[in-house]
Structure formats: structure tokens, C-alpha cells
Amino acid sequence: MTVKSAVSFIDEHHAFAKAAVERGEFASVSAVVAAGIQRLRDEEDERSAMLDAVAEEIRRRAETPDDEFVEHARGDFARILERMIADRAGDDPV
């Protein structure tokens, strides 16, 4: 379903969108706006997935008995986070 909506732009944003259309990157200014909204949604989904993964790791660590807890070296967290996100998405871990 398509919904029409009036949107106001500052001149710079409008010029950018029109130029993208003129270069053939988008069919219309509306398509530029739609792509921008989709990108924001994708970024929000990614941010949410990362926060969920961090929260899950914190919960998992909080439930780990002290005698089983292993400290990680500095810099390991990024790899751990990537692995958790990949596991959650069903991908092979990095």
C-alpha cells in the first residue's frame, strides 16, 4: 500500500535528493526518502540485535558460577559479540 504524505526539506536535502534522481540512482525523490527510511529501520534493527546480544551475554555471564567464569583478554569482546550475533542469525561464527 502506498500513502501520500507532504514532506518539507531544507534546500540542501532537496538538492541532494533531486541530484540522486537525475543521476539515475533513484526513480523519484520519494524513492530517495523511502531508501533513507529503510536504512534507518535497518540500522535500528541492527542496533537492537546488538543490544539483545549484549543483554543475553550479560545474563549468561551472571548465571555462570564463579568457579566456571573465565576472564577474557582485552579486545575479545568484539569477537564475542560478532559470534553471538552470527549464532543468533544462524550463520557460521566468525
C-alpha atoms as a PDB file:
ATOM      1  CA  MET A   1       0.000   0.000   0.000  1.00  0.00           C
ATOM      2  CA  THR A   2       1.237   3.492  -0.810  1.00  0.00           C
ATOM      3  CA  VAL A   3       0.443   6.503   1.341  1.00  0.00           C
ATOM      4  CA  LYS A   4       0.915  10.068   0.160  1.00  0.00           C
ATOM      5  CA  SER A   5       2.462  12.444   2.647  1.00  0.00           C
ATOM      6  CA  ALA A   6       3.639  16.039   2.395  1.00  0.00           C
ATOM      7  CA  VAL A   7       7.261  16.393   3.466  1.00  0.00           C
ATOM      8  CA  SER A   8       9.341  19.551   3.772  1.00  0.00           C
ATOM      9  CA  PHE A   9      13.076  19.570   3.106  1.00  0.00           C
ATOM     10  CA  ILE A  10      15.824  22.073   3.650  1.00  0.00           C
ATOM     11  CA  ASP A  11      17.235  23.207   0.309  1.00  0.00           C
ATOM     12  CA  GLU A  12      20.396  21.139   0.690  1.00  0.00           C
ATOM     13  CA  HIS A  13      18.488  17.906   1.274  1.00  0.00           C
ATOM     14  CA  HIS A  14      16.114  18.541  -1.607  1.00  0.00           C
ATOM     15  CA  ALA A  15      19.010  19.317  -3.955  1.00  0.00           C
ATOM     16  CA  PHE A  16      20.759  16.111  -2.860  1.00  0.00           C
ATOM     17  CA  ALA A  17      17.644  14.007  -3.497  1.00  0.00           C
ATOM     18  CA  LYS A  18      16.988  15.627  -6.890  1.00  0.00           C
ATOM     19  CA  ALA A  19      20.619  15.091  -7.925  1.00  0.00           C
ATOM     20  CA  ALA A  20      20.360  11.389  -6.995  1.00  0.00           C
ATOM     21  CA  VAL A  21      17.281  11.114  -9.213  1.00  0.00           C
ATOM     22  CA  GLU A  22      18.998  12.976 -12.069  1.00  0.00           C
ATOM     23  CA  ARG A  23      21.982  10.588 -11.825  1.00  0.00           C
ATOM     24  CA  GLY A  24      19.547   7.703 -12.216  1.00  0.00           C
ATOM     25  CA  GLU A  25      20.224   6.297  -8.749  1.00  0.00           C
ATOM     26  CA  PHE A  26      16.535   6.579  -7.795  1.00  0.00           C
ATOM     27  CA  ALA A  27      13.315   6.825  -9.759  1.00  0.00           C
ATOM     28  CA  SER A  28      11.982   9.755  -7.734  1.00  0.00           C
ATOM     29  CA  VAL A  29      12.565  11.939  -4.709  1.00  0.00           C
ATOM     30  CA  SER A  30      10.013   9.735  -2.943  1.00  0.00           C
ATOM     31  CA  ALA A  31      12.236   6.728  -3.644  1.00  0.00           C
ATOM     32  CA  VAL A  32      15.195   8.573  -2.106  1.00  0.00           C
ATOM     33  CA  VAL A  33      13.173   9.271   1.025  1.00  0.00           C
ATOM     34  CA  ALA A  34      11.938   5.669   1.169  1.00  0.00           C
ATOM     35  CA  ALA A  35      15.528   4.402   0.888  1.00  0.00           C
ATOM     36  CA  GLY A  36      16.577   6.706   3.720  1.00  0.00           C
ATOM     37  CA  ILE A  37      13.758   5.465   5.932  1.00  0.00           C
ATOM     38  CA  GLN A  38      14.623   1.851   5.129  1.00  0.00           C
ATOM     39  CA  ARG A  39      18.252   2.493   6.029  1.00  0.00           C
ATOM     40  CA  LEU A  40      17.179   3.946   9.380  1.00  0.00           C
ATOM     41  CA  ARG A  41      14.994   0.894  10.017  1.00  0.00           C
ATOM     42  CA  ASP A  42      17.863  -1.459   9.122  1.00  0.00           C
ATOM     43  CA  GLU A  43      20.232   0.428  11.447  1.00  0.00           C
ATOM     44  CA  GLU A  44      17.658   0.286  14.243  1.00  0.00           C
ATOM     45  CA  ASP A  45      17.205  -3.463  13.730  1.00  0.00           C
ATOM     46  CA  GLU A  46      20.977  -3.977  13.806  1.00  0.00           C
ATOM     47  CA  ARG A  47      21.352  -1.853  16.931  1.00  0.00           C
ATOM     48  CA  SER A  48      18.521  -3.769  18.602  1.00  0.00           C
ATOM     49  CA  ALA A  49      20.099  -7.119  17.703  1.00  0.00           C
ATOM     50  CA  MET A  50      23.427  -5.991  19.133  1.00  0.00           C
ATOM     51  CA  LEU A  51      21.821  -4.773  22.362  1.00  0.00           C
ATOM     52  CA  ASP A  52      19.872  -8.022  22.673  1.00  0.00           C
ATOM     53  CA  ALA A  53      23.084  -9.996  22.166  1.00  0.00           C
ATOM     54  CA  VAL A  54      24.893  -7.950  24.808  1.00  0.00           C
ATOM     55  CA  ALA A  55      21.989  -8.366  27.237  1.00  0.00           C
ATOM     56  CA  GLU A  56      21.954 -12.121  26.618  1.00  0.00           C
ATOM     57  CA  GLU A  57      25.703 -12.336  27.211  1.00  0.00           C
ATOM     58  CA  ILE A  58      25.345 -10.386  30.452  1.00  0.00           C
ATOM     59  CA  ARG A  59      22.544 -12.723  31.573  1.00  0.00           C
ATOM     60  CA  ARG A  60      24.614 -15.768  30.614  1.00  0.00           C
ATOM     61  CA  ARG A  61      27.657 -14.470  32.481  1.00  0.00           C
ATOM     62  CA  ALA A  62      25.556 -13.567  35.526  1.00  0.00           C
ATOM     63  CA  GLU A  63      24.321 -17.176  35.643  1.00  0.00           C
ATOM     64  CA  THR A  64      27.831 -18.628  35.321  1.00  0.00           C
ATOM     65  CA  PRO A  65      29.134 -19.996  38.620  1.00  0.00           C
ATOM     66  CA  ASP A  66      32.218 -18.157  39.889  1.00  0.00           C
ATOM     67  CA  ASP A  67      34.393 -21.265  39.585  1.00  0.00           C
ATOM     68  CA  GLU A  68      33.496 -21.578  35.865  1.00  0.00           C
ATOM     69  CA  PHE A  69      33.807 -17.918  34.920  1.00  0.00           C
ATOM     70  CA  VAL A  70      36.670 -17.128  32.553  1.00  0.00           C
ATOM     71  CA  GLU A  71      38.049 -13.618  32.181  1.00  0.00           C
ATOM     72  CA  HIS A  72      38.662 -12.604  28.585  1.00  0.00           C
ATOM     73  CA  ALA A  73      41.595 -10.673  27.254  1.00  0.00           C
ATOM     74  CA  ARG A  74      41.115  -7.066  26.263  1.00  0.00           C
ATOM     75  CA  GLY A  75      39.640  -6.817  22.744  1.00  0.00           C
ATOM     76  CA  ASP A  76      37.907 -10.197  22.911  1.00  0.00           C
ATOM     77  CA  PHE A  77      34.511  -8.595  23.412  1.00  0.00           C
ATOM     78  CA  ALA A  78      34.159  -7.541  19.754  1.00  0.00           C
ATOM     79  CA  ARG A  79      34.813 -11.095  18.571  1.00  0.00           C
ATOM     80  CA  ILE A  80      32.439 -12.491  21.182  1.00  0.00           C
ATOM     81  CA  LEU A  81      29.723 -10.054  20.112  1.00  0.00           C
ATOM     82  CA  GLU A  82      30.193 -10.957  16.433  1.00  0.00           C
ATOM     83  CA  ARG A  83      29.933 -14.646  17.315  1.00  0.00           C
ATOM     84  CA  MET A  84      26.756 -14.107  19.329  1.00  0.00           C
ATOM     85  CA  ILE A  85      25.120 -12.128  16.530  1.00  0.00           C
ATOM     86  CA  ALA A  86      26.129 -14.758  13.964  1.00  0.00           C
ATOM     87  CA  ASP A  87      24.822 -17.542  16.208  1.00  0.00           C
ATOM     88  CA  ARG A  88      21.552 -15.696  16.669  1.00  0.00           C
ATOM     89  CA  ALA A  89      21.176 -15.224  12.908  1.00  0.00           C
ATOM     90  CA  GLY A  90      22.002 -18.874  12.270  1.00  0.00           C
ATOM     91  CA  ASP A  91      25.215 -18.023  10.438  1.00  0.00           C
ATOM     92  CA  ASP A  92      28.543 -19.707  10.937  1.00  0.00           C
ATOM     93  CA  PRO A  93      30.549 -17.950  13.676  1.00  0.00           C
ATOM     94  CA  VAL A  94      33.323 -15.640  12.515  1.00  0.00           C
END
